[in-house]
Amino acid sequence: MTSTVLALKQQQRGILFDPRAKFLALIIVASLLLSIGNEGLMGLVRIVLALVPFVLLVLSRNIKSGVAYIFIYLVAYGLSVVSSMFLSGPLLFLALGATGIMRQFLPGVMMGYWFVSTTTVSEFMAACDRIRLTQSIEIPLVVMMRYFPTIAQDYSQISDAAKMKALGLSQGPITAVENRLVPLLASAVRGGEDLSAAALTRGLGAPIHRTNICEIGFHACDMMLLSVCALGAILVFLIGVA
């Protein structure tokens, strides 16, 4: 029964990658996109690296997020091209700055979203145990992984409650923001404390070794992902040296 449930979850999540490979790919892609330019071969490498989050989201059967990401990225790229053709002065500076920041940070943000949305806490803890990570680092990372999805879920519930009580923009933008921001801040503080207490309750800080039923390991898909990231890093290094 347990194996059947795990197989069903695996089919629903698409292609599964090892958490260690996902985290390493996240660091490499985000770092390279923040350090390379847009001219010549660097521009081609940037395009390839920017497509990595889209491909990974599609392989994980999160097609809606992948399409939304690539649409926003293409819009930002198009706006940068149009701005350089028709704008000048301060407006050009503002437009290129806004679109440039979007193109640099959005792929890294989506890589982080892919990592969090496709990695369970049990898988992440199993990966931390494999690399012999100390609990003083592992427990804060586990709490952080659960913190942001919990805050997003709380914000969705707060928005639904505000709509049910007709607390929308009709009462003014400041009031609308207040009706959502104040409960969200209270929920954020309470959520962090609850997650920390839950981690300790489950024995994450115990000195004994914990067992884990998650089966992780490097497969062909992990090797392909790391090969693409390594190739991008090598090209950036060679182009920078040349």
C-alpha atoms as a PDB file:
ATOM      1  CA  MET A   1       0.000   0.000   0.000  1.00  0.00           C
ATOM      2  CA  THR A   2       2.784   2.416   0.919  1.00  0.00           C
ATOM      3  CA  SER A   3       4.706   1.678  -2.280  1.00  0.00           C
ATOM      4  CA  THR A   4       1.543   2.272  -4.329  1.00  0.00           C
ATOM      5  CA  VAL A   5       0.968   5.670  -2.713  1.00  0.00           C
ATOM      6  CA  LEU A   6       4.596   6.680  -3.259  1.00  0.00           C
ATOM      7  CA  ALA A   7       4.432   5.609  -6.914  1.00  0.00           C
ATOM      8  CA  LEU A   8       1.234   7.632  -7.409  1.00  0.00           C
ATOM      9  CA  LYS A   9       2.825  10.726  -5.873  1.00  0.00           C
ATOM     10  CA  GLN A  10       5.867  10.256  -8.113  1.00  0.00           C
ATOM     11  CA  GLN A  11       3.668  10.148 -11.228  1.00  0.00           C
ATOM     12  CA  GLN A  12       1.880  13.324 -10.158  1.00  0.00           C
ATOM     13  CA  ARG A  13       5.170  15.176  -9.610  1.00  0.00           C
ATOM     14  CA  GLY A  14       6.681  14.299 -12.984  1.00  0.00           C
ATOM     15  CA  ILE A  15      10.418  13.695 -13.290  1.00  0.00           C
ATOM     16  CA  LEU A  16      12.074  13.623  -9.870  1.00  0.00           C
ATOM     17  CA  PHE A  17      15.525  15.102  -9.327  1.00  0.00           C
ATOM     18  CA  ASP A  18      17.843  14.561  -6.403  1.00  0.00           C
ATOM     19  CA  PRO A  19      17.603  17.453  -3.883  1.00  0.00           C
ATOM     20  CA  ARG A  20      21.388  17.863  -3.914  1.00  0.00           C
ATOM     21  CA  ALA A  21      21.404  18.257  -7.698  1.00  0.00           C
ATOM     22  CA  LYS A  22      18.499  20.701  -7.523  1.00  0.00           C
ATOM     23  CA  PHE A  23      20.166  22.850  -4.879  1.00  0.00           C
ATOM     24  CA  LEU A  24      23.479  22.898  -6.752  1.00  0.00           C
ATOM     25  CA  ALA A  25      21.705  23.825 -10.004  1.00  0.00           C
ATOM     26  CA  LEU A  26      19.866  26.607  -8.172  1.00  0.00           C
ATOM     27  CA  ILE A  27      23.120  28.102  -6.897  1.00  0.00           C
ATOM     28  CA  ILE A  28      24.901  27.830 -10.265  1.00  0.00           C
ATOM     29  CA  VAL A  29      22.089  29.266 -12.404  1.00  0.00           C
ATOM     30  CA  ALA A  30      21.351  32.144 -10.028  1.00  0.00           C
ATOM     31  CA  SER A  31      25.041  33.027  -9.636  1.00  0.00           C
ATOM     32  CA  LEU A  32      25.835  32.913 -13.355  1.00  0.00           C
ATOM     33  CA  LEU A  33      22.842  35.032 -14.362  1.00  0.00           C
ATOM     34  CA  LEU A  34      23.851  37.694 -11.852  1.00  0.00           C
ATOM     35  CA  SER A  35      27.445  37.824 -13.097  1.00  0.00           C
ATOM     36  CA  ILE A  36      27.285  37.670 -16.913  1.00  0.00           C
ATOM     37  CA  GLY A  37      26.396  40.313 -19.482  1.00  0.00           C
ATOM     38  CA  ASN A  38      24.121  40.394 -22.510  1.00  0.00           C
ATOM     39  CA  GLU A  39      26.586  40.837 -25.370  1.00  0.00           C
ATOM     40  CA  GLY A  40      27.950  38.197 -27.738  1.00  0.00           C
ATOM     41  CA  LEU A  41      28.327  34.662 -26.449  1.00  0.00           C
ATOM     42  CA  MET A  42      27.413  35.814 -22.949  1.00  0.00           C
ATOM     43  CA  GLY A  43      23.979  36.738 -24.242  1.00  0.00           C
ATOM     44  CA  LEU A  44      23.550  33.252 -25.725  1.00  0.00           C
ATOM     45  CA  VAL A  45      24.626  31.616 -22.457  1.00  0.00           C
ATOM     46  CA  ARG A  46      22.170  33.844 -20.583  1.00  0.00           C
ATOM     47  CA  ILE A  47      19.311  32.739 -22.837  1.00  0.00           C
ATOM     48  CA  VAL A  48      20.147  29.055 -22.343  1.00  0.00           C
ATOM     49  CA  LEU A  49      20.374  29.462 -18.565  1.00  0.00           C
ATOM     50  CA  ALA A  50      17.126  31.429 -18.505  1.00  0.00           C
ATOM     51  CA  LEU A  51      15.396  28.509 -20.243  1.00  0.00           C
ATOM     52  CA  VAL A  52      16.532  26.044 -17.558  1.00  0.00           C
ATOM     53  CA  PRO A  53      13.783  26.985 -15.024  1.00  0.00           C
ATOM     54  CA  PHE A  54      11.123  26.754 -17.743  1.00  0.00           C
ATOM     55  CA  VAL A  55      12.235  23.265 -18.799  1.00  0.00           C
ATOM     56  CA  LEU A  56      12.450  22.063 -15.201  1.00  0.00           C
ATOM     57  CA  LEU A  57       8.985  23.384 -14.332  1.00  0.00           C
ATOM     58  CA  VAL A  58       7.509  21.663 -17.382  1.00  0.00           C
ATOM     59  CA  LEU A  59       9.261  18.384 -16.525  1.00  0.00           C
ATOM     60  CA  SER A  60       7.822  18.674 -13.010  1.00  0.00           C
ATOM     61  CA  ARG A  61       4.325  19.057 -14.510  1.00  0.00           C
ATOM     62  CA  ASN A  62       4.024  22.644 -13.317  1.00  0.00           C
ATOM     63  CA  ILE A  63       3.269  23.875 -16.812  1.00  0.00           C
ATOM     64  CA  LYS A  64       1.208  26.884 -15.750  1.00  0.00           C
ATOM     65  CA  SER A  65       4.064  28.373 -13.720  1.00  0.00           C
ATOM     66  CA  GLY A  66       6.548  27.613 -16.495  1.00  0.00           C
ATOM     67  CA  VAL A  67       4.441  29.361 -19.137  1.00  0.00           C
ATOM     68  CA  ALA A  68       3.854  32.346 -16.833  1.00  0.00           C
ATOM     69  CA  TYR A  69       7.594  32.616 -16.181  1.00  0.00           C
ATOM     70  CA  ILE A  70       8.637  32.486 -19.817  1.00  0.00           C
ATOM     71  CA  PHE A  71       5.908  34.989 -20.739  1.00  0.00           C
ATOM     72  CA  ILE A  72       7.077  37.504 -18.122  1.00  0.00           C
ATOM     73  CA  TYR A  73      10.705  37.020 -19.138  1.00  0.00           C
ATOM     74  CA  LEU A  74       9.931  37.567 -22.827  1.00  0.00           C
ATOM     75  CA  VAL A  75       7.887  40.663 -22.000  1.00  0.00           C
ATOM     76  CA  ALA A  76      10.806  42.067 -19.991  1.00  0.00           C
ATOM     77  CA  TYR A  77      13.194  41.296 -22.844  1.00  0.00           C
ATOM     78  CA  GLY A  78      10.866  42.889 -25.393  1.00  0.00           C
ATOM     79  CA  LEU A  79      10.423  46.002 -23.273  1.00  0.00           C
ATOM     80  CA  SER A  80      14.195  46.387 -22.985  1.00  0.00           C
ATOM     81  CA  VAL A  81      14.565  46.213 -26.777  1.00  0.00           C
ATOM     82  CA  VAL A  82      11.694  48.625 -27.431  1.00  0.00           C
ATOM     83  CA  SER A  83      12.935  51.028 -24.751  1.00  0.00           C
ATOM     84  CA  SER A  84      16.413  51.196 -26.278  1.00  0.00           C
ATOM     85  CA  MET A  85      14.845  52.014 -29.659  1.00  0.00           C
ATOM     86  CA  PHE A  86      12.305  54.671 -28.687  1.00  0.00           C
ATOM     87  CA  LEU A  87      13.324  56.118 -25.317  1.00  0.00           C
ATOM     88  CA  SER A  88      16.203  58.282 -24.197  1.00  0.00           C
ATOM     89  CA  GLY A  89      17.456  60.052 -21.117  1.00  0.00           C
ATOM     90  CA  PRO A  90      16.066  59.252 -17.659  1.00  0.00           C
ATOM     91  CA  LEU A  91      13.146  57.241 -19.064  1.00  0.00           C
ATOM     92  CA  LEU A  92      15.554  54.944 -20.898  1.00  0.00           C
ATOM     93  CA  PHE A  93      17.625  54.533 -17.744  1.00  0.00           C
ATOM     94  CA  LEU A  94      14.566  53.615 -15.668  1.00  0.00           C
ATOM     95  CA  ALA A  95      13.184  51.225 -18.293  1.00  0.00           C
ATOM     96  CA  LEU A  96      16.477  49.407 -18.832  1.00  0.00           C
ATOM     97  CA  GLY A  97      17.087  49.243 -15.089  1.00  0.00           C
ATOM     98  CA  ALA A  98      13.672  47.746 -14.347  1.00  0.00           C
ATOM     99  CA  THR A  99      13.788  45.207 -17.175  1.00  0.00           C
ATOM    100  CA  GLY A 100      17.423  44.357 -16.445  1.00  0.00           C
ATOM    101  CA  ILE A 101      16.672  43.599 -12.802  1.00  0.00           C
ATOM    102  CA  MET A 102      13.713  41.480 -13.875  1.00  0.00           C
ATOM    103  CA  ARG A 103      15.798  39.477 -16.347  1.00  0.00           C
ATOM    104  CA  GLN A 104      18.609  38.943 -13.842  1.00  0.00           C
ATOM    105  CA  PHE A 105      16.605  37.944 -10.785  1.00  0.00           C
ATOM    106  CA  LEU A 106      13.517  36.237 -12.236  1.00  0.00           C
ATOM    107  CA  PRO A 107      15.279  33.009 -13.383  1.00  0.00           C
ATOM    108  CA  GLY A 108      16.910  32.597  -9.979  1.00  0.00           C
ATOM    109  CA  VAL A 109      13.599  33.213  -8.219  1.00  0.00           C
ATOM    110  CA  MET A 110      11.884  30.608 -10.398  1.00  0.00           C
ATOM    111  CA  MET A 111      14.681  28.124  -9.731  1.00  0.00           C
ATOM    112  CA  GLY A 112      14.053  28.641  -6.028  1.00  0.00           C
ATOM    113  CA  TYR A 113      10.320  28.204  -6.556  1.00  0.00           C
ATOM    114  CA  TRP A 114      10.947  24.981  -8.477  1.00  0.00           C
ATOM    115  CA  PHE A 115      13.231  23.696  -5.727  1.00  0.00           C
ATOM    116  CA  VAL A 116      10.759  24.427  -2.924  1.00  0.00           C
ATOM    117  CA  SER A 117       7.669  23.225  -4.797  1.00  0.00           C
ATOM    118  CA  THR A 118       9.203  19.915  -5.906  1.00  0.00           C
ATOM    119  CA  THR A 119      11.181  19.001  -2.784  1.00  0.00           C
ATOM    120  CA  THR A 120       9.455  17.602   0.264  1.00  0.00           C
ATOM    121  CA  VAL A 121      10.828  18.178   3.735  1.00  0.00           C
ATOM    122  CA  SER A 122      11.608  14.470   4.090  1.00  0.00           C
ATOM    123  CA  GLU A 123      13.594  14.450   0.836  1.00  0.00           C
ATOM    124  CA  PHE A 124      15.505  17.550   1.860  1.00  0.00           C
ATOM    125  CA  MET A 125      16.339  16.066   5.255  1.00  0.00           C
ATOM    126  CA  ALA A 126      17.482  12.840   3.608  1.00  0.00           C
ATOM    127  CA  ALA A 127      19.776  14.864   1.345  1.00  0.00           C
ATOM    128  CA  CYS A 128      21.155  16.768   4.338  1.00  0.00           C
ATOM    129  CA  ASP A 129      21.876  13.477   6.088  1.00  0.00           C
ATOM    130  CA  ARG A 130      23.684  12.171   2.994  1.00  0.00           C
ATOM    131  CA  ILE A 131      26.063  15.130   2.938  1.00  0.00           C
ATOM    132  CA  ARG A 132      26.555  14.943   6.733  1.00  0.00           C
ATOM    133  CA  LEU A 133      25.123  18.425   7.329  1.00  0.00           C
ATOM    134  CA  THR A 134      24.995  19.435  10.979  1.00  0.00           C
ATOM    135  CA  GLN A 135      21.596  19.852  12.623  1.00  0.00           C
ATOM    136  CA  SER A 136      22.374  23.456  13.542  1.00  0.00           C
ATOM    137  CA  ILE A 137      22.214  24.224   9.811  1.00  0.00           C
ATOM    138  CA  GLU A 138      19.713  21.562   8.753  1.00  0.00           C
ATOM    139  CA  ILE A 139      16.876  22.542  11.105  1.00  0.00           C
ATOM    140  CA  PRO A 140      16.804  26.269  10.130  1.00  0.00           C
ATOM    141  CA  LEU A 141      16.831  25.284   6.447  1.00  0.00           C
ATOM    142  CA  VAL A 142      13.944  22.852   6.976  1.00  0.00           C
ATOM    143  CA  VAL A 143      11.928  25.499   8.828  1.00  0.00           C
ATOM    144  CA  MET A 144      12.664  28.017   6.074  1.00  0.00           C
ATOM    145  CA  MET A 145      11.498  25.571   3.394  1.00  0.00           C
ATOM    146  CA  ARG A 146       8.135  25.194   5.100  1.00  0.00           C
ATOM    147  CA  TYR A 147       7.865  28.873   6.091  1.00  0.00           C
ATOM    148  CA  PHE A 148       7.338  30.502   2.699  1.00  0.00           C
ATOM    149  CA  PRO A 149       4.701  28.011   1.427  1.00  0.00           C
ATOM    150  CA  THR A 150       2.870  28.413   4.738  1.00  0.00           C
ATOM    151  CA  ILE A 151       2.880  32.209   4.412  1.00  0.00           C
ATOM    152  CA  ALA A 152       1.598  31.949   0.828  1.00  0.00           C
ATOM    153  CA  GLN A 153      -1.230  29.685   1.971  1.00  0.00           C
ATOM    154  CA  ASP A 154      -2.098  32.056   4.832  1.00  0.00           C
ATOM    155  CA  TYR A 155      -2.175  35.017   2.442  1.00  0.00           C
ATOM    156  CA  SER A 156      -4.553  33.141   0.151  1.00  0.00           C
ATOM    157  CA  GLN A 157      -6.870  32.439   3.080  1.00  0.00           C
ATOM    158  CA  ILE A 158      -6.690  36.069   4.243  1.00  0.00           C
ATOM    159  CA  SER A 159      -7.575  37.283   0.736  1.00  0.00           C
ATOM    160  CA  ASP A 160     -10.547  34.904   0.583  1.00  0.00           C
ATOM    161  CA  ALA A 161     -11.776  36.114   3.970  1.00  0.00           C
ATOM    162  CA  ALA A 162     -11.441  39.753   2.867  1.00  0.00           C
ATOM    163  CA  LYS A 163     -13.464  39.036  -0.277  1.00  0.00           C
ATOM    164  CA  MET A 164     -16.208  37.353   1.758  1.00  0.00           C
ATOM    165  CA  LYS A 165     -16.449  40.458   3.961  1.00  0.00           C
ATOM    166  CA  ALA A 166     -16.377  42.784   0.909  1.00  0.00           C
ATOM    167  CA  LEU A 167     -13.111  44.384   2.046  1.00  0.00           C
ATOM    168  CA  GLY A 168     -11.804  45.292  -1.381  1.00  0.00           C
ATOM    169  CA  LEU A 169     -10.407  48.293  -3.222  1.00  0.00           C
ATOM    170  CA  SER A 170     -13.782  50.039  -3.021  1.00  0.00           C
ATOM    171  CA  GLN A 171     -12.905  51.112   0.528  1.00  0.00           C
ATOM    172  CA  GLY A 172      -9.640  52.660  -0.612  1.00  0.00           C
ATOM    173  CA  PRO A 173      -6.227  51.204  -1.464  1.00  0.00           C
ATOM    174  CA  ILE A 174      -4.729  51.974   1.956  1.00  0.00           C
ATOM    175  CA  THR A 175      -7.571  50.236   3.786  1.00  0.00           C
ATOM    176  CA  ALA A 176      -7.389  47.267   1.403  1.00  0.00           C
ATOM    177  CA  VAL A 177      -3.660  46.861   2.025  1.00  0.00           C
ATOM    178  CA  GLU A 178      -4.153  47.237   5.780  1.00  0.00           C
ATOM    179  CA  ASN A 179      -6.856  44.567   5.859  1.00  0.00           C
ATOM    180  CA  ARG A 180      -4.429  42.104   4.300  1.00  0.00           C
ATOM    181  CA  LEU A 181      -1.040  43.210   5.604  1.00  0.00           C
ATOM    182  CA  VAL A 182      -1.826  43.334   9.329  1.00  0.00           C
ATOM    183  CA  PRO A 183      -3.247  39.768   9.492  1.00  0.00           C
ATOM    184  CA  LEU A 184      -0.398  38.559   7.287  1.00  0.00           C
ATOM    185  CA  LEU A 185       2.257  39.997   9.617  1.00  0.00           C
ATOM    186  CA  ALA A 186       0.568  38.413  12.626  1.00  0.00           C
ATOM    187  CA  SER A 187       0.342  35.103  10.782  1.00  0.00           C
ATOM    188  CA  ALA A 188       4.002  35.322   9.733  1.00  0.00           C
ATOM    189  CA  VAL A 189       5.190  35.753  13.322  1.00  0.00           C
ATOM    190  CA  ARG A 190       2.935  32.990  14.614  1.00  0.00           C
ATOM    191  CA  GLY A 191       3.801  30.685  11.709  1.00  0.00           C
ATOM    192  CA  GLY A 192       7.539  30.885  12.358  1.00  0.00           C
ATOM    193  CA  GLU A 193       7.077  29.992  16.005  1.00  0.00           C
ATOM    194  CA  ASP A 194       4.715  27.119  15.153  1.00  0.00           C
ATOM    195  CA  LEU A 195       7.105  25.643  12.606  1.00  0.00           C
ATOM    196  CA  SER A 196      10.044  25.844  15.007  1.00  0.00           C
ATOM    197  CA  ALA A 197       8.010  24.140  17.722  1.00  0.00           C
ATOM    198  CA  ALA A 198       6.847  21.460  15.273  1.00  0.00           C
ATOM    199  CA  ALA A 199      10.439  20.763  14.228  1.00  0.00           C
ATOM    200  CA  LEU A 200      11.502  20.235  17.827  1.00  0.00           C
ATOM    201  CA  THR A 201       8.382  18.163  18.589  1.00  0.00           C
ATOM    202  CA  ARG A 202       9.233  15.779  15.750  1.00  0.00           C
ATOM    203  CA  GLY A 203      12.634  15.222  17.309  1.00  0.00           C
ATOM    204  CA  LEU A 204      14.732  17.035  14.722  1.00  0.00           C
ATOM    205  CA  GLY A 205      17.086  18.251  17.417  1.00  0.00           C
ATOM    206  CA  ALA A 206      17.587  14.834  19.008  1.00  0.00           C
ATOM    207  CA  PRO A 207      21.171  13.529  19.196  1.00  0.00           C
ATOM    208  CA  ILE A 208      20.225  10.114  17.769  1.00  0.00           C
ATOM    209  CA  HIS A 209      20.156   9.339  14.048  1.00  0.00           C
ATOM    210  CA  ARG A 210      16.685   9.559  12.482  1.00  0.00           C
ATOM    211  CA  THR A 211      15.473   7.119   9.844  1.00  0.00           C
ATOM    212  CA  ASN A 212      13.952   8.254   6.548  1.00  0.00           C
ATOM    213  CA  ILE A 213      11.838   6.337   4.018  1.00  0.00           C
ATOM    214  CA  CYS A 214      12.668   8.668   1.126  1.00  0.00           C
ATOM    215  CA  GLU A 215      14.811   7.089  -1.565  1.00  0.00           C
ATOM    216  CA  ILE A 216      17.100   9.677  -3.098  1.00  0.00           C
ATOM    217  CA  GLY A 217      20.049   9.284  -5.423  1.00  0.00           C
ATOM    218  CA  PHE A 218      21.654  10.592  -8.585  1.00  0.00           C
ATOM    219  CA  HIS A 219      20.113   9.416 -11.846  1.00  0.00           C
ATOM    220  CA  ALA A 220      20.514  10.262 -15.531  1.00  0.00           C
ATOM    221  CA  CYS A 221      18.283  13.339 -15.242  1.00  0.00           C
ATOM    222  CA  ASP A 222      20.444  14.692 -12.407  1.00  0.00           C
ATOM    223  CA  MET A 223      23.602  14.158 -14.450  1.00  0.00           C
ATOM    224  CA  MET A 224      22.083  15.967 -17.435  1.00  0.00           C
ATOM    225  CA  LEU A 225      21.018  18.917 -15.269  1.00  0.00           C
ATOM    226  CA  LEU A 226      24.420  19.229 -13.627  1.00  0.00           C
ATOM    227  CA  SER A 227      26.142  18.842 -17.015  1.00  0.00           C
ATOM    228  CA  VAL A 228      24.197  21.786 -18.444  1.00  0.00           C
ATOM    229  CA  CYS A 229      25.027  23.910 -15.404  1.00  0.00           C
ATOM    230  CA  ALA A 230      28.698  22.895 -15.482  1.00  0.00           C
ATOM    231  CA  LEU A 231      28.912  23.612 -19.209  1.00  0.00           C
ATOM    232  CA  GLY A 232      27.439  27.061 -18.654  1.00  0.00           C
ATOM    233  CA  ALA A 233      29.922  27.777 -15.863  1.00  0.00           C
ATOM    234  CA  ILE A 234      32.858  26.621 -18.017  1.00  0.00           C
ATOM    235  CA  LEU A 235      31.740  28.779 -20.955  1.00  0.00           C
ATOM    236  CA  VAL A 236      31.372  31.817 -18.722  1.00  0.00           C
ATOM    237  CA  PHE A 237      34.868  31.234 -17.323  1.00  0.00           C
ATOM    238  CA  LEU A 238      36.453  30.736 -20.758  1.00  0.00           C
ATOM    239  CA  ILE A 239      34.708  33.760 -22.262  1.00  0.00           C
ATOM    240  CA  GLY A 240      35.703  35.867 -19.274  1.00  0.00           C
ATOM    241  CA  VAL A 241      39.340  34.794 -19.565  1.00  0.00           C
ATOM    242  CA  ALA A 242      39.379  35.408 -23.319  1.00  0.00           C
END
